[in-house]
Amino acid sequence: MFPAVDPYEDINARSVSMIREILQLGVDAGEFREMDVGDTAEVIFSLYKSFIIQAYIQGEANYVERYMPCAYELVVNGIKGK
């Protein structure tokens, strides 16, 4: 589960880069607040990887169906009240 060498290192790096680009587009358009897009992309990707691992362990369909709406809401709107 945690090999010394990540066999998906290139794919994962491209995924983080794609997230970073999307975040930067959102910041530039004024849709997202100013942030460190590199660090934020890493955190979002880490959350995604954890979500995928947990979905695999728990049984993908039920886990994703149950928790994806919550994950989306948390990432998009956070937990802080207005």
PDB file of N, CA and C in Angstrom:
ATOM      1  N   MET A   1       0.822  -1.202   0.000  1.00  0.00           N
ATOM      2  CA  MET A   1       0.000   0.000   0.000  1.00  0.00           C
ATOM      3  C   MET A   1       0.861   1.258   0.000  1.00  0.00           C
ATOM      4  N   PHE A   2       2.026   1.192   0.631  1.00  0.00           N
ATOM      5  CA  PHE A   2       2.916   2.353   0.707  1.00  0.00           C
ATOM      6  C   PHE A   2       4.327   1.950   0.282  1.00  0.00           C
ATOM      7  N   PRO A   3       4.532   1.724  -1.016  1.00  0.00           N
ATOM      8  CA  PRO A   3       5.862   1.317  -1.476  1.00  0.00           C
ATOM      9  C   PRO A   3       6.870   2.452  -1.337  1.00  0.00           C
ATOM     10  N   ALA A   4       8.142   2.072  -1.264  1.00  0.00           N
ATOM     11  CA  ALA A   4       9.211   3.078  -1.142  1.00  0.00           C
ATOM     12  C   ALA A   4       9.247   3.983  -2.368  1.00  0.00           C
ATOM     13  N   VAL A   5       8.946   3.430  -3.521  1.00  0.00           N
ATOM     14  CA  VAL A   5       8.895   4.207  -4.757  1.00  0.00           C
ATOM     15  C   VAL A   5       7.452   4.191  -5.249  1.00  0.00           C
ATOM     16  N   ASP A   6       6.891   5.368  -5.439  1.00  0.00           N
ATOM     17  CA  ASP A   6       5.502   5.483  -5.894  1.00  0.00           C
ATOM     18  C   ASP A   6       5.433   5.134  -7.377  1.00  0.00           C
ATOM     19  N   PRO A   7       4.752   4.027  -7.710  1.00  0.00           N
ATOM     20  CA  PRO A   7       4.683   3.649  -9.122  1.00  0.00           C
ATOM     21  C   PRO A   7       3.844   4.623  -9.959  1.00  0.00           C
ATOM     22  N   TYR A   8       3.109   5.487  -9.303  1.00  0.00           N
ATOM     23  CA  TYR A   8       2.252   6.450 -10.006  1.00  0.00           C
ATOM     24  C   TYR A   8       2.747   7.880  -9.833  1.00  0.00           C
ATOM     25  N   GLU A   9       4.022   8.036  -9.538  1.00  0.00           N
ATOM     26  CA  GLU A   9       4.574   9.364  -9.250  1.00  0.00           C
ATOM     27  C   GLU A   9       4.310  10.370 -10.373  1.00  0.00           C
ATOM     28  N   ASP A  10       4.534   9.977 -11.611  1.00  0.00           N
ATOM     29  CA  ASP A  10       4.323  10.894 -12.737  1.00  0.00           C
ATOM     30  C   ASP A  10       2.843  11.262 -12.888  1.00  0.00           C
ATOM     31  N   ILE A  11       1.979  10.280 -12.775  1.00  0.00           N
ATOM     32  CA  ILE A  11       0.538  10.528 -12.888  1.00  0.00           C
ATOM     33  C   ILE A  11       0.083  11.437 -11.753  1.00  0.00           C
ATOM     34  N   ASN A  12       0.547  11.146 -10.543  1.00  0.00           N
ATOM     35  CA  ASN A  12       0.158  11.968  -9.396  1.00  0.00           C
ATOM     36  C   ASN A  12       0.658  13.402  -9.537  1.00  0.00           C
ATOM     37  N   ALA A  13       1.873  13.561 -10.025  1.00  0.00           N
ATOM     38  CA  ALA A  13       2.418  14.914 -10.213  1.00  0.00           C
ATOM     39  C   ALA A  13       1.599  15.688 -11.245  1.00  0.00           C
ATOM     40  N   ARG A  14       1.194  15.007 -12.308  1.00  0.00           N
ATOM     41  CA  ARG A  14       0.356  15.673 -13.315  1.00  0.00           C
ATOM     42  C   ARG A  14      -1.012  16.026 -12.731  1.00  0.00           C
ATOM     43  N   SER A  15      -1.534  15.167 -11.865  1.00  0.00           N
ATOM     44  CA  SER A  15      -2.823  15.449 -11.224  1.00  0.00           C
ATOM     45  C   SER A  15      -2.734  16.680 -10.333  1.00  0.00           C
ATOM     46  N   VAL A  16      -1.672  16.765  -9.548  1.00  0.00           N
ATOM     47  CA  VAL A  16      -1.478  17.942  -8.691  1.00  0.00           C
ATOM     48  C   VAL A  16      -1.330  19.189  -9.552  1.00  0.00           C
ATOM     49  N   SER A  17      -0.606  19.083 -10.652  1.00  0.00           N
ATOM     50  CA  SER A  17      -0.437  20.213 -11.556  1.00  0.00           C
ATOM     51  C   SER A  17      -1.778  20.661 -12.134  1.00  0.00           C
ATOM     52  N   MET A  18      -2.625  19.714 -12.488  1.00  0.00           N
ATOM     53  CA  MET A  18      -3.942  20.051 -13.026  1.00  0.00           C
ATOM     54  C   MET A  18      -4.780  20.773 -11.965  1.00  0.00           C
ATOM     55  N   ILE A  19      -4.741  20.294 -10.737  1.00  0.00           N
ATOM     56  CA  ILE A  19      -5.479  20.959  -9.655  1.00  0.00           C
ATOM     57  C   ILE A  19      -4.946  22.372  -9.454  1.00  0.00           C
ATOM     58  N   ARG A  20      -3.621  22.518  -9.464  1.00  0.00           N
ATOM     59  CA  ARG A  20      -2.997  23.835  -9.297  1.00  0.00           C
ATOM     60  C   ARG A  20      -3.471  24.792 -10.387  1.00  0.00           C
ATOM     61  N   GLU A  21      -3.509  24.327 -11.634  1.00  0.00           N
ATOM     62  CA  GLU A  21      -3.955  25.171 -12.749  1.00  0.00           C
ATOM     63  C   GLU A  21      -5.415  25.586 -12.578  1.00  0.00           C
ATOM     64  N   ILE A  22      -6.264  24.662 -12.160  1.00  0.00           N
ATOM     65  CA  ILE A  22      -7.684  24.981 -11.946  1.00  0.00           C
ATOM     66  C   ILE A  22      -7.835  26.008 -10.831  1.00  0.00           C
ATOM     67  N   LEU A  23      -7.094  25.803  -9.745  1.00  0.00           N
ATOM     68  CA  LEU A  23      -7.160  26.768  -8.642  1.00  0.00           C
ATOM     69  C   LEU A  23      -6.703  28.149  -9.095  1.00  0.00           C
ATOM     70  N   GLN A  24      -5.613  28.199  -9.875  1.00  0.00           N
ATOM     71  CA  GLN A  24      -5.104  29.487 -10.333  1.00  0.00           C
ATOM     72  C   GLN A  24      -6.101  30.179 -11.246  1.00  0.00           C
ATOM     73  N   LEU A  25      -6.743  29.415 -12.110  1.00  0.00           N
ATOM     74  CA  LEU A  25      -7.787  29.996 -12.966  1.00  0.00           C
ATOM     75  C   LEU A  25      -8.906  30.590 -12.111  1.00  0.00           C
ATOM     76  N   GLY A  26      -9.298  29.884 -11.057  1.00  0.00           N
ATOM     77  CA  GLY A  26     -10.347  30.373 -10.170  1.00  0.00           C
ATOM     78  C   GLY A  26      -9.945  31.629  -9.429  1.00  0.00           C
ATOM     79  N   VAL A  27      -8.691  31.678  -8.970  1.00  0.00           N
ATOM     80  CA  VAL A  27      -8.181  32.877  -8.291  1.00  0.00           C
ATOM     81  C   VAL A  27      -8.147  34.043  -9.269  1.00  0.00           C
ATOM     82  N   ASP A  28      -7.604  33.793 -10.458  1.00  0.00           N
ATOM     83  CA  ASP A  28      -7.491  34.857 -11.471  1.00  0.00           C
ATOM     84  C   ASP A  28      -8.856  35.403 -11.878  1.00  0.00           C
ATOM     85  N   ALA A  29      -9.871  34.535 -11.895  1.00  0.00           N
ATOM     86  CA  ALA A  29     -11.222  34.955 -12.285  1.00  0.00           C
ATOM     87  C   ALA A  29     -11.991  35.594 -11.131  1.00  0.00           C
ATOM     88  N   GLY A  30     -11.408  35.561  -9.934  1.00  0.00           N
ATOM     89  CA  GLY A  30     -12.082  36.133  -8.775  1.00  0.00           C
ATOM     90  C   GLY A  30     -13.113  35.212  -8.154  1.00  0.00           C
ATOM     91  N   GLU A  31     -13.162  33.957  -8.606  1.00  0.00           N
ATOM     92  CA  GLU A  31     -14.112  32.990  -8.050  1.00  0.00           C
ATOM     93  C   GLU A  31     -13.593  32.382  -6.755  1.00  0.00           C
ATOM     94  N   PHE A  32     -12.262  32.278  -6.624  1.00  0.00           N
ATOM     95  CA  PHE A  32     -11.629  31.730  -5.423  1.00  0.00           C
ATOM     96  C   PHE A  32     -10.843  32.837  -4.745  1.00  0.00           C
ATOM     97  N   ARG A  33     -10.714  32.727  -3.447  1.00  0.00           N
ATOM     98  CA  ARG A  33      -9.916  33.698  -2.693  1.00  0.00           C
ATOM     99  C   ARG A  33      -8.437  33.520  -3.017  1.00  0.00           C
ATOM    100  N   GLU A  34      -7.636  34.512  -2.687  1.00  0.00           N
ATOM    101  CA  GLU A  34      -6.188  34.392  -2.855  1.00  0.00           C
ATOM    102  C   GLU A  34      -5.690  33.280  -1.940  1.00  0.00           C
ATOM    103  N   MET A  35      -4.763  32.472  -2.459  1.00  0.00           N
ATOM    104  CA  MET A  35      -4.230  31.355  -1.688  1.00  0.00           C
ATOM    105  C   MET A  35      -2.910  30.938  -2.304  1.00  0.00           C
ATOM    106  N   ASP A  36      -2.174  30.100  -1.593  1.00  0.00           N
ATOM    107  CA  ASP A  36      -0.996  29.468  -2.154  1.00  0.00           C
ATOM    108  C   ASP A  36      -1.516  28.273  -2.946  1.00  0.00           C
ATOM    109  N   VAL A  37      -1.624  28.429  -4.261  1.00  0.00           N
ATOM    110  CA  VAL A  37      -2.260  27.390  -5.072  1.00  0.00           C
ATOM    111  C   VAL A  37      -1.445  26.099  -5.084  1.00  0.00           C
ATOM    112  N   GLY A  38      -0.142  26.185  -4.954  1.00  0.00           N
ATOM    113  CA  GLY A  38       0.690  24.983  -4.925  1.00  0.00           C
ATOM    114  C   GLY A  38       0.419  24.142  -3.687  1.00  0.00           C
ATOM    115  N   ASP A  39       0.444  24.791  -2.529  1.00  0.00           N
ATOM    116  CA  ASP A  39       0.172  24.069  -1.289  1.00  0.00           C
ATOM    117  C   ASP A  39      -1.263  23.550  -1.251  1.00  0.00           C
ATOM    118  N   THR A  40      -2.190  24.374  -1.703  1.00  0.00           N
ATOM    119  CA  THR A  40      -3.604  23.977  -1.697  1.00  0.00           C
ATOM    120  C   THR A  40      -3.831  22.787  -2.620  1.00  0.00           C
ATOM    121  N   ALA A  41      -3.180  22.780  -3.763  1.00  0.00           N
ATOM    122  CA  ALA A  41      -3.300  21.653  -4.691  1.00  0.00           C
ATOM    123  C   ALA A  41      -2.781  20.373  -4.050  1.00  0.00           C
ATOM    124  N   GLU A  42      -1.677  20.459  -3.336  1.00  0.00           N
ATOM    125  CA  GLU A  42      -1.126  19.285  -2.648  1.00  0.00           C
ATOM    126  C   GLU A  42      -2.090  18.752  -1.603  1.00  0.00           C
ATOM    127  N   VAL A  43      -2.702  19.656  -0.835  1.00  0.00           N
ATOM    128  CA  VAL A  43      -3.644  19.235   0.203  1.00  0.00           C
ATOM    129  C   VAL A  43      -4.878  18.593  -0.421  1.00  0.00           C
ATOM    130  N   ILE A  44      -5.426  19.218  -1.449  1.00  0.00           N
ATOM    131  CA  ILE A  44      -6.606  18.653  -2.107  1.00  0.00           C
ATOM    132  C   ILE A  44      -6.286  17.281  -2.678  1.00  0.00           C
ATOM    133  N   PHE A  45      -5.118  17.132  -3.292  1.00  0.00           N
ATOM    134  CA  PHE A  45      -4.750  15.830  -3.848  1.00  0.00           C
ATOM    135  C   PHE A  45      -4.576  14.795  -2.736  1.00  0.00           C
ATOM    136  N   SER A  46      -3.996  15.198  -1.615  1.00  0.00           N
ATOM    137  CA  SER A  46      -3.849  14.277  -0.483  1.00  0.00           C
ATOM    138  C   SER A  46      -5.201  13.832   0.052  1.00  0.00           C
ATOM    139  N   LEU A  47      -6.142  14.754   0.135  1.00  0.00           N
ATOM    140  CA  LEU A  47      -7.497  14.393   0.560  1.00  0.00           C
ATOM    141  C   LEU A  47      -8.123  13.418  -0.434  1.00  0.00           C
ATOM    142  N   TYR A  48      -7.923  13.680  -1.707  1.00  0.00           N
ATOM    143  CA  TYR A  48      -8.441  12.804  -2.757  1.00  0.00           C
ATOM    144  C   TYR A  48      -7.866  11.390  -2.619  1.00  0.00           C
ATOM    145  N   LYS A  49      -6.547  11.290  -2.442  1.00  0.00           N
ATOM    146  CA  LYS A  49      -5.915   9.977  -2.303  1.00  0.00           C
ATOM    147  C   LYS A  49      -6.454   9.232  -1.089  1.00  0.00           C
ATOM    148  N   SER A  50      -6.602   9.936   0.005  1.00  0.00           N
ATOM    149  CA  SER A  50      -7.154   9.311   1.210  1.00  0.00           C
ATOM    150  C   SER A  50      -8.573   8.838   0.967  1.00  0.00           C
ATOM    151  N   PHE A  51      -9.356   9.641   0.282  1.00  0.00           N
ATOM    152  CA  PHE A  51     -10.740   9.294  -0.041  1.00  0.00           C
ATOM    153  C   PHE A  51     -10.787   8.029  -0.894  1.00  0.00           C
ATOM    154  N   ILE A  52      -9.921   7.958  -1.899  1.00  0.00           N
ATOM    155  CA  ILE A  52      -9.880   6.797  -2.794  1.00  0.00           C
ATOM    156  C   ILE A  52      -9.465   5.540  -2.026  1.00  0.00           C
ATOM    157  N   ILE A  53      -8.463   5.649  -1.173  1.00  0.00           N
ATOM    158  CA  ILE A  53      -8.020   4.496  -0.380  1.00  0.00           C
ATOM    159  C   ILE A  53      -9.145   4.015   0.525  1.00  0.00           C
ATOM    160  N   GLN A  54      -9.801   4.937   1.189  1.00  0.00           N
ATOM    161  CA  GLN A  54     -10.904   4.576   2.083  1.00  0.00           C
ATOM    162  C   GLN A  54     -12.066   3.966   1.304  1.00  0.00           C
ATOM    163  N   ALA A  55     -12.353   4.505   0.143  1.00  0.00           N
ATOM    164  CA  ALA A  55     -13.426   3.953  -0.689  1.00  0.00           C
ATOM    165  C   ALA A  55     -13.102   2.517  -1.079  1.00  0.00           C
ATOM    166  N   TYR A  56     -11.860   2.255  -1.412  1.00  0.00           N
ATOM    167  CA  TYR A  56     -11.450   0.904  -1.778  1.00  0.00           C
ATOM    168  C   TYR A  56     -11.618  -0.055  -0.599  1.00  0.00           C
ATOM    169  N   ILE A  57     -11.194   0.378   0.573  1.00  0.00           N
ATOM    170  CA  ILE A  57     -11.273  -0.467   1.766  1.00  0.00           C
ATOM    171  C   ILE A  57     -12.724  -0.737   2.156  1.00  0.00           C
ATOM    172  N   GLN A  58     -13.567   0.274   2.085  1.00  0.00           N
ATOM    173  CA  GLN A  58     -14.953   0.164   2.544  1.00  0.00           C
ATOM    174  C   GLN A  58     -15.900  -0.432   1.496  1.00  0.00           C
ATOM    175  N   GLY A  59     -15.487  -0.490   0.282  1.00  0.00           N
ATOM    176  CA  GLY A  59     -16.383  -0.922  -0.802  1.00  0.00           C
ATOM    177  C   GLY A  59     -16.795   0.317  -1.572  1.00  0.00           C
ATOM    178  N   GLU A  60     -16.200   0.487  -2.701  1.00  0.00           N
ATOM    179  CA  GLU A  60     -16.223   1.749  -3.442  1.00  0.00           C
ATOM    180  C   GLU A  60     -17.600   2.368  -3.642  1.00  0.00           C
ATOM    181  N   ALA A  61     -18.524   1.651  -4.205  1.00  0.00           N
ATOM    182  CA  ALA A  61     -19.803   2.251  -4.591  1.00  0.00           C
ATOM    183  C   ALA A  61     -20.531   2.855  -3.401  1.00  0.00           C
ATOM    184  N   ASN A  62     -20.680   2.107  -2.348  1.00  0.00           N
ATOM    185  CA  ASN A  62     -21.412   2.617  -1.183  1.00  0.00           C
ATOM    186  C   ASN A  62     -20.694   3.788  -0.526  1.00  0.00           C
ATOM    187  N   TYR A  63     -19.380   3.693  -0.406  1.00  0.00           N
ATOM    188  CA  TYR A  63     -18.615   4.747   0.250  1.00  0.00           C
ATOM    189  C   TYR A  63     -18.697   6.052  -0.539  1.00  0.00           C
ATOM    190  N   VAL A  64     -18.440   5.966  -1.825  1.00  0.00           N
ATOM    191  CA  VAL A  64     -18.459   7.175  -2.664  1.00  0.00           C
ATOM    192  C   VAL A  64     -19.852   7.776  -2.685  1.00  0.00           C
ATOM    193  N   GLU A  65     -20.852   6.949  -2.857  1.00  0.00           N
ATOM    194  CA  GLU A  65     -22.233   7.437  -2.895  1.00  0.00           C
ATOM    195  C   GLU A  65     -22.614   8.140  -1.595  1.00  0.00           C
ATOM    196  N   ARG A  66     -22.171   7.586  -0.487  1.00  0.00           N
ATOM    197  CA  ARG A  66     -22.531   8.164   0.814  1.00  0.00           C
ATOM    198  C   ARG A  66     -21.744   9.436   1.139  1.00  0.00           C
ATOM    199  N   TYR A  67     -20.425   9.425   0.886  1.00  0.00           N
ATOM    200  CA  TYR A  67     -19.573  10.499   1.386  1.00  0.00           C
ATOM    201  C   TYR A  67     -19.150  11.553   0.367  1.00  0.00           C
ATOM    202  N   MET A  68     -19.331  11.311  -0.918  1.00  0.00           N
ATOM    203  CA  MET A  68     -18.904  12.301  -1.908  1.00  0.00           C
ATOM    204  C   MET A  68     -19.628  13.642  -1.748  1.00  0.00           C
ATOM    205  N   PRO A  69     -20.937  13.660  -1.511  1.00  0.00           N
ATOM    206  CA  PRO A  69     -21.584  14.967  -1.308  1.00  0.00           C
ATOM    207  C   PRO A  69     -20.995  15.743  -0.131  1.00  0.00           C
ATOM    208  N   CYS A  70     -20.685  15.051   0.946  1.00  0.00           N
ATOM    209  CA  CYS A  70     -20.086  15.701   2.120  1.00  0.00           C
ATOM    210  C   CYS A  70     -18.686  16.207   1.778  1.00  0.00           C
ATOM    211  N   ALA A  71     -17.896  15.392   1.079  1.00  0.00           N
ATOM    212  CA  ALA A  71     -16.542  15.796   0.705  1.00  0.00           C
ATOM    213  C   ALA A  71     -16.581  17.035  -0.190  1.00  0.00           C
ATOM    214  N   TYR A  72     -17.474  17.030  -1.146  1.00  0.00           N
ATOM    215  CA  TYR A  72     -17.613  18.172  -2.042  1.00  0.00           C
ATOM    216  C   TYR A  72     -17.981  19.431  -1.252  1.00  0.00           C
ATOM    217  N   GLU A  73     -18.989  19.319  -0.411  1.00  0.00           N
ATOM    218  CA  GLU A  73     -19.433  20.451   0.396  1.00  0.00           C
ATOM    219  C   GLU A  73     -18.318  20.985   1.288  1.00  0.00           C
ATOM    220  N   LEU A  74     -17.565  20.085   1.883  1.00  0.00           N
ATOM    221  CA  LEU A  74     -16.475  20.488   2.757  1.00  0.00           C
ATOM    222  C   LEU A  74     -15.375  21.225   1.990  1.00  0.00           C
ATOM    223  N   VAL A  75     -14.986  20.691   0.842  1.00  0.00           N
ATOM    224  CA  VAL A  75     -13.920  21.318   0.062  1.00  0.00           C
ATOM    225  C   VAL A  75     -14.379  22.664  -0.505  1.00  0.00           C
ATOM    226  N   VAL A  76     -15.596  22.722  -1.011  1.00  0.00           N
ATOM    227  CA  VAL A  76     -16.070  23.950  -1.663  1.00  0.00           C
ATOM    228  C   VAL A  76     -16.453  25.016  -0.645  1.00  0.00           C
ATOM    229  N   ASN A  77     -17.120  24.639   0.440  1.00  0.00           N
ATOM    230  CA  ASN A  77     -17.629  25.637   1.382  1.00  0.00           C
ATOM    231  C   ASN A  77     -16.968  25.645   2.742  1.00  0.00           C
ATOM    232  N   GLY A  78     -16.139  24.650   3.044  1.00  0.00           N
ATOM    233  CA  GLY A  78     -15.457  24.611   4.331  1.00  0.00           C
ATOM    234  C   GLY A  78     -16.394  24.308   5.474  1.00  0.00           C
ATOM    235  N   ILE A  79     -15.919  24.599   6.700  1.00  0.00           N
ATOM    236  CA  ILE A  79     -16.734  24.341   7.885  1.00  0.00           C
ATOM    237  C   ILE A  79     -17.037  25.616   8.669  1.00  0.00           C
ATOM    238  N   LYS A  80     -16.438  26.692   8.280  1.00  0.00           N
ATOM    239  CA  LYS A  80     -16.610  27.949   9.000  1.00  0.00           C
ATOM    240  C   LYS A  80     -17.946  28.597   8.639  1.00  0.00           C
ATOM    241  N   GLY A  81     -18.655  29.061   9.659  1.00  0.00           N
ATOM    242  CA  GLY A  81     -19.916  29.765   9.410  1.00  0.00           C
ATOM    243  C   GLY A  81     -19.673  31.120   8.788  1.00  0.00           C
ATOM    244  N   LYS A  82     -20.721  31.672   8.244  1.00  0.00           N
ATOM    245  CA  LYS A  82     -20.587  32.964   7.546  1.00  0.00           C
ATOM    246  C   LYS A  82     -20.604  34.132   8.468  1.00  0.00           C
TER     247      LYS A  82
END
